[in-house]
């Protein structure tokens, strides 16, 4: 099922607008400026979905957990 909720749109827009890799915490912080109801669990679910769809790619940073 391909639901395009406001939260999903905010997550994707936040990533694209940043122009650089973001952590889940950064996505949450920026995304809450647009959608106050956005939560960290929603960000992680959204990232998992976007990764699975091939719309984003994980970036490995030494010593950090990807997203």
C-alpha atoms as a PDB file:
ATOM      1  CA  UNK A   1       0.000   0.000   0.000  1.00  0.00           C
ATOM      2  CA  UNK A   2       1.415   3.355  -0.991  1.00  0.00           C
ATOM      3  CA  UNK A   3      -0.017   5.914   1.424  1.00  0.00           C
ATOM      4  CA  UNK A   4       1.210   9.447   0.972  1.00  0.00           C
ATOM      5  CA  UNK A   5       0.386  11.024   4.316  1.00  0.00           C
ATOM      6  CA  UNK A   6       1.316  14.544   5.319  1.00  0.00           C
ATOM      7  CA  UNK A   7       4.019  13.108   7.575  1.00  0.00           C
ATOM      8  CA  UNK A   8       5.510  11.056   4.726  1.00  0.00           C
ATOM      9  CA  UNK A   9       5.516  14.104   2.462  1.00  0.00           C
ATOM     10  CA  UNK A  10       7.196  16.212   5.171  1.00  0.00           C
ATOM     11  CA  UNK A  11       9.904  13.573   5.670  1.00  0.00           C
ATOM     12  CA  UNK A  12      10.669  13.368   1.954  1.00  0.00           C
ATOM     13  CA  UNK A  13      10.541  17.134   1.428  1.00  0.00           C
ATOM     14  CA  UNK A  14      12.840  17.681   4.417  1.00  0.00           C
ATOM     15  CA  UNK A  15      15.405  15.274   2.986  1.00  0.00           C
ATOM     16  CA  UNK A  16      15.287  16.786  -0.501  1.00  0.00           C
ATOM     17  CA  UNK A  17      15.415  20.378   0.727  1.00  0.00           C
ATOM     18  CA  UNK A  18      18.435  19.746   2.972  1.00  0.00           C
ATOM     19  CA  UNK A  19      20.700  18.881   0.058  1.00  0.00           C
ATOM     20  CA  UNK A  20      22.804  16.702   2.361  1.00  0.00           C
ATOM     21  CA  UNK A  21      22.375  13.548   4.420  1.00  0.00           C
ATOM     22  CA  UNK A  22      20.314  14.010   7.566  1.00  0.00           C
ATOM     23  CA  UNK A  23      19.947  11.888  10.673  1.00  0.00           C
ATOM     24  CA  UNK A  24      16.491  10.822  11.822  1.00  0.00           C
ATOM     25  CA  UNK A  25      16.771  13.370  14.659  1.00  0.00           C
ATOM     26  CA  UNK A  26      17.528  16.158  12.179  1.00  0.00           C
ATOM     27  CA  UNK A  27      14.586  15.126  10.009  1.00  0.00           C
ATOM     28  CA  UNK A  28      12.346  15.175  13.076  1.00  0.00           C
ATOM     29  CA  UNK A  29      13.579  18.591  14.188  1.00  0.00           C
ATOM     30  CA  UNK A  30      13.149  20.177  10.758  1.00  0.00           C
ATOM     31  CA  UNK A  31       9.942  18.323   9.987  1.00  0.00           C
ATOM     32  CA  UNK A  32       8.224  19.450  13.196  1.00  0.00           C
ATOM     33  CA  UNK A  33       8.474  23.019  11.903  1.00  0.00           C
ATOM     34  CA  UNK A  34       5.958  22.036   9.222  1.00  0.00           C
ATOM     35  CA  UNK A  35       4.058  19.209  10.927  1.00  0.00           C
ATOM     36  CA  UNK A  36       3.935  19.496  14.712  1.00  0.00           C
ATOM     37  CA  UNK A  37       2.449  15.979  15.041  1.00  0.00           C
ATOM     38  CA  UNK A  38       5.517  14.329  13.482  1.00  0.00           C
ATOM     39  CA  UNK A  39       7.157  11.839  15.851  1.00  0.00           C
ATOM     40  CA  UNK A  40      10.425   9.912  15.811  1.00  0.00           C
ATOM     41  CA  UNK A  41       8.672   6.558  15.256  1.00  0.00           C
ATOM     42  CA  UNK A  42       6.945   8.028  12.207  1.00  0.00           C
ATOM     43  CA  UNK A  43      10.293   9.301  10.912  1.00  0.00           C
ATOM     44  CA  UNK A  44      11.870   5.837  11.263  1.00  0.00           C
ATOM     45  CA  UNK A  45       8.890   4.155   9.576  1.00  0.00           C
ATOM     46  CA  UNK A  46       8.997   6.748   6.807  1.00  0.00           C
ATOM     47  CA  UNK A  47      12.720   6.264   6.255  1.00  0.00           C
ATOM     48  CA  UNK A  48      12.289   2.487   6.110  1.00  0.00           C
ATOM     49  CA  UNK A  49       9.507   2.859   3.555  1.00  0.00           C
ATOM     50  CA  UNK A  50      11.413   5.369   1.408  1.00  0.00           C
ATOM     51  CA  UNK A  51      14.515   3.168   1.489  1.00  0.00           C
ATOM     52  CA  UNK A  52      12.442   0.146   0.462  1.00  0.00           C
ATOM     53  CA  UNK A  53      10.928   2.089  -2.424  1.00  0.00           C
ATOM     54  CA  UNK A  54      14.381   3.235  -3.560  1.00  0.00           C
ATOM     55  CA  UNK A  55      13.425   6.909  -3.201  1.00  0.00           C
ATOM     56  CA  UNK A  56      16.290   7.594  -0.785  1.00  0.00           C
ATOM     57  CA  UNK A  57      19.597   5.915   0.000  1.00  0.00           C
ATOM     58  CA  UNK A  58      21.243   5.308   3.345  1.00  0.00           C
ATOM     59  CA  UNK A  59      24.608   6.994   3.809  1.00  0.00           C
ATOM     60  CA  UNK A  60      27.145   5.151   5.933  1.00  0.00           C
ATOM     61  CA  UNK A  61      29.099   7.402   8.267  1.00  0.00           C
ATOM     62  CA  UNK A  62      31.896   5.657  10.165  1.00  0.00           C
ATOM     63  CA  UNK A  63      30.969   5.222  13.804  1.00  0.00           C
ATOM     64  CA  UNK A  64      27.298   6.115  13.269  1.00  0.00           C
ATOM     65  CA  UNK A  65      24.212   3.979  12.839  1.00  0.00           C
ATOM     66  CA  UNK A  66      22.623   4.583   9.412  1.00  0.00           C
ATOM     67  CA  UNK A  67      19.553   6.790   9.968  1.00  0.00           C
END
